[in-house]
């Protein structure tokens, strides 16, 4: 990543997504009667956010690759 890319990278957005997903997972487990620890929900949310970000990065790379190969 270049410094220009890093400056556009919204870390607060990822943190907000992680916190929201942690809360949703914890509330869902509590509502279903499993009483999962908050740390376990946070770890699961971190994994889901990381997989989502990696998928988004791959999608953007694939789109850029296909656009660069298409004849104009």
N, C-alpha and C. Protein backbone atom coordinates (compact mmCIF):
# COMPACT_ATOMS: atom_id res chain seq x y z
N UNK A 1 0.83 -1.17 0.00
CA UNK A 1 0.00 0.00 0.00
C UNK A 1 0.88 1.24 0.00
N UNK A 2 0.49 2.18 -0.76
CA UNK A 2 1.23 3.44 -0.78
C UNK A 2 0.67 4.36 0.30
N UNK A 3 1.37 5.43 0.56
CA UNK A 3 0.89 6.36 1.58
C UNK A 3 -0.44 6.99 1.18
N UNK A 4 -0.64 7.18 -0.12
CA UNK A 4 -1.91 7.73 -0.59
C UNK A 4 -3.05 6.75 -0.32
N UNK A 5 -2.79 5.46 -0.53
CA UNK A 5 -3.81 4.44 -0.26
C UNK A 5 -4.09 4.36 1.23
N UNK A 6 -3.05 4.42 2.05
CA UNK A 6 -3.23 4.35 3.48
C UNK A 6 -4.05 5.51 4.02
N UNK A 7 -3.89 6.68 3.42
CA UNK A 7 -4.64 7.84 3.91
C UNK A 7 -6.12 7.72 3.58
N UNK A 8 -6.47 6.95 2.56
CA UNK A 8 -7.88 6.76 2.21
C UNK A 8 -8.48 5.55 2.92
N UNK A 9 -7.66 4.76 3.61
CA UNK A 9 -8.11 3.54 4.26
C UNK A 9 -8.80 3.88 5.57
N UNK A 10 -10.11 3.70 5.65
CA UNK A 10 -10.84 4.13 6.84
C UNK A 10 -10.80 3.09 7.96
N UNK A 11 -9.82 3.18 8.84
CA UNK A 11 -9.68 2.22 9.94
C UNK A 11 -10.87 2.30 10.89
N UNK A 12 -11.42 3.50 11.07
CA UNK A 12 -12.56 3.63 11.97
C UNK A 12 -13.77 2.86 11.45
N UNK A 13 -13.89 2.75 10.14
CA UNK A 13 -15.00 2.01 9.55
C UNK A 13 -14.90 0.53 9.87
N UNK A 14 -13.70 0.00 9.80
CA UNK A 14 -13.50 -1.42 10.12
C UNK A 14 -13.76 -1.66 11.60
N UNK A 15 -13.29 -0.76 12.43
CA UNK A 15 -13.51 -0.88 13.87
C UNK A 15 -15.01 -0.83 14.20
N UNK A 16 -15.72 0.07 13.57
CA UNK A 16 -17.16 0.17 13.80
C UNK A 16 -17.88 -1.09 13.32
N UNK A 17 -17.47 -1.62 12.17
CA UNK A 17 -18.06 -2.85 11.65
C UNK A 17 -17.81 -4.01 12.61
N UNK A 18 -16.57 -4.09 13.13
CA UNK A 18 -16.22 -5.16 14.06
C UNK A 18 -17.03 -5.06 15.35
N UNK A 19 -17.15 -3.85 15.89
CA UNK A 19 -17.89 -3.66 17.14
C UNK A 19 -19.37 -3.98 16.96
N UNK A 20 -19.93 -3.57 15.85
CA UNK A 20 -21.34 -3.85 15.58
C UNK A 20 -21.58 -5.35 15.43
N UNK A 21 -20.72 -5.99 14.67
CA UNK A 21 -20.86 -7.43 14.47
C UNK A 21 -20.65 -8.20 15.78
N UNK A 22 -19.73 -7.74 16.62
CA UNK A 22 -19.53 -8.36 17.93
C UNK A 22 -20.82 -8.27 18.75
N UNK A 23 -21.42 -7.10 18.77
CA UNK A 23 -22.66 -6.92 19.51
C UNK A 23 -23.79 -7.78 18.98
N UNK A 24 -23.90 -7.87 17.67
CA UNK A 24 -24.95 -8.69 17.07
C UNK A 24 -24.76 -10.16 17.41
N UNK A 25 -23.52 -10.65 17.30
CA UNK A 25 -23.25 -12.05 17.64
C UNK A 25 -23.52 -12.34 19.11
N UNK A 26 -23.12 -11.42 19.99
CA UNK A 26 -23.33 -11.62 21.42
C UNK A 26 -24.82 -11.60 21.76
N UNK A 27 -25.54 -10.63 21.20
CA UNK A 27 -26.98 -10.56 21.48
C UNK A 27 -27.72 -11.78 20.93
N UNK A 28 -27.32 -12.24 19.74
CA UNK A 28 -27.96 -13.42 19.16
C UNK A 28 -27.71 -14.66 20.01
N UNK A 29 -26.48 -14.82 20.48
CA UNK A 29 -26.19 -15.99 21.30
C UNK A 29 -26.93 -15.93 22.64
N UNK A 30 -27.04 -14.74 23.21
CA UNK A 30 -27.78 -14.57 24.46
C UNK A 30 -29.27 -14.84 24.25
N UNK A 31 -29.80 -14.35 23.15
CA UNK A 31 -31.23 -14.56 22.86
C UNK A 31 -31.55 -16.03 22.62
N UNK A 32 -30.59 -16.77 22.09
CA UNK A 32 -30.80 -18.20 21.84
C UNK A 32 -30.47 -19.06 23.06
N UNK A 33 -30.01 -18.42 24.13
CA UNK A 33 -29.76 -19.14 25.37
C UNK A 33 -28.40 -19.79 25.47
N UNK A 34 -27.45 -19.43 24.62
CA UNK A 34 -26.13 -20.04 24.66
C UNK A 34 -25.15 -19.31 25.56
N UNK A 35 -25.38 -18.06 25.84
CA UNK A 35 -24.53 -17.24 26.71
C UNK A 35 -23.05 -17.37 26.36
N UNK A 36 -22.72 -17.13 25.12
CA UNK A 36 -21.35 -17.16 24.63
C UNK A 36 -20.57 -15.97 25.20
N UNK A 37 -19.32 -16.19 25.62
CA UNK A 37 -18.52 -15.06 26.15
C UNK A 37 -18.31 -13.97 25.09
N UNK A 38 -18.22 -12.76 25.56
CA UNK A 38 -18.04 -11.62 24.66
C UNK A 38 -16.73 -11.74 23.89
N UNK A 39 -15.68 -12.28 24.52
CA UNK A 39 -14.38 -12.44 23.85
C UNK A 39 -14.50 -13.40 22.66
N UNK A 40 -15.27 -14.44 22.79
CA UNK A 40 -15.46 -15.38 21.69
C UNK A 40 -16.23 -14.73 20.54
N UNK A 41 -17.21 -13.92 20.87
CA UNK A 41 -17.95 -13.19 19.84
C UNK A 41 -17.05 -12.18 19.14
N UNK A 42 -16.19 -11.52 19.90
CA UNK A 42 -15.27 -10.54 19.31
C UNK A 42 -14.29 -11.22 18.37
N UNK A 43 -13.80 -12.40 18.75
CA UNK A 43 -12.87 -13.14 17.89
C UNK A 43 -13.57 -13.58 16.60
N UNK A 44 -14.79 -14.06 16.71
CA UNK A 44 -15.54 -14.46 15.52
C UNK A 44 -15.83 -13.27 14.62
N UNK A 45 -16.17 -12.16 15.22
CA UNK A 45 -16.44 -10.95 14.44
C UNK A 45 -15.18 -10.48 13.73
N UNK A 46 -14.02 -10.56 14.40
CA UNK A 46 -12.77 -10.17 13.77
C UNK A 46 -12.47 -11.04 12.56
N UNK A 47 -12.71 -12.33 12.69
CA UNK A 47 -12.51 -13.25 11.56
C UNK A 47 -13.45 -12.91 10.40
N UNK A 48 -14.71 -12.67 10.71
CA UNK A 48 -15.67 -12.34 9.66
C UNK A 48 -15.32 -11.03 8.96
N UNK A 49 -14.90 -10.04 9.72
CA UNK A 49 -14.52 -8.76 9.13
C UNK A 49 -13.27 -8.93 8.26
N UNK A 50 -12.30 -9.71 8.73
CA UNK A 50 -11.08 -9.94 7.95
C UNK A 50 -11.39 -10.65 6.64
N UNK A 51 -12.23 -11.66 6.68
CA UNK A 51 -12.61 -12.38 5.46
C UNK A 51 -13.38 -11.44 4.51
N UNK A 52 -14.25 -10.62 5.05
CA UNK A 52 -14.99 -9.67 4.23
C UNK A 52 -14.08 -8.64 3.57
N UNK A 53 -13.12 -8.13 4.33
CA UNK A 53 -12.18 -7.15 3.77
C UNK A 53 -11.30 -7.80 2.69
N UNK A 54 -10.87 -9.03 2.93
CA UNK A 54 -10.05 -9.73 1.93
C UNK A 54 -10.86 -9.97 0.66
N UNK A 55 -12.11 -10.35 0.81
CA UNK A 55 -12.98 -10.55 -0.35
C UNK A 55 -13.20 -9.27 -1.12
N UNK A 56 -13.39 -8.17 -0.41
CA UNK A 56 -13.56 -6.88 -1.07
C UNK A 56 -12.30 -6.48 -1.81
N UNK A 57 -11.13 -6.72 -1.18
CA UNK A 57 -9.85 -6.40 -1.83
C UNK A 57 -9.69 -7.22 -3.10
N UNK A 58 -10.01 -8.52 -3.04
CA UNK A 58 -9.91 -9.37 -4.23
C UNK A 58 -10.88 -8.92 -5.33
N UNK A 59 -12.08 -8.53 -4.94
CA UNK A 59 -13.07 -8.07 -5.93
C UNK A 59 -12.58 -6.81 -6.64
N UNK A 60 -12.02 -5.88 -5.85
CA UNK A 60 -11.50 -4.65 -6.46
C UNK A 60 -10.32 -4.93 -7.38
N UNK A 61 -9.43 -5.82 -6.97
CA UNK A 61 -8.28 -6.19 -7.81
C UNK A 61 -8.76 -6.87 -9.10
N UNK A 62 -9.74 -7.76 -8.97
CA UNK A 62 -10.26 -8.48 -10.15
C UNK A 62 -10.92 -7.50 -11.12
N UNK A 63 -11.69 -6.57 -10.58
CA UNK A 63 -12.35 -5.58 -11.43
C UNK A 63 -11.32 -4.71 -12.14
N UNK A 64 -10.29 -4.27 -11.43
CA UNK A 64 -9.26 -3.45 -12.04
C UNK A 64 -8.50 -4.25 -13.11
N UNK A 65 -8.27 -5.51 -12.84
CA UNK A 65 -7.57 -6.37 -13.80
C UNK A 65 -8.40 -6.56 -15.06
N UNK A 66 -9.69 -6.81 -14.89
CA UNK A 66 -10.56 -7.02 -16.06
C UNK A 66 -10.74 -5.72 -16.85
N UNK A 67 -10.83 -4.59 -16.14
CA UNK A 67 -10.97 -3.31 -16.83
C UNK A 67 -9.72 -2.96 -17.62
N UNK A 68 -8.56 -3.32 -17.11
CA UNK A 68 -7.32 -3.00 -17.81
C UNK A 68 -7.13 -3.87 -19.05
N UNK A 69 -7.78 -5.02 -19.09
CA UNK A 69 -7.63 -5.93 -20.22
C UNK A 69 -8.68 -5.70 -21.30
N UNK A 70 -9.76 -5.01 -20.97
CA UNK A 70 -10.83 -4.82 -21.94
C UNK A 70 -10.41 -3.79 -23.00
N UNK A 71 -10.73 -4.08 -24.26
CA UNK A 71 -10.40 -3.12 -25.32
C UNK A 71 -11.29 -1.90 -25.22
N UNK A 72 -10.76 -0.78 -25.53
CA UNK A 72 -11.53 0.47 -25.45
C UNK A 72 -11.87 0.95 -26.81
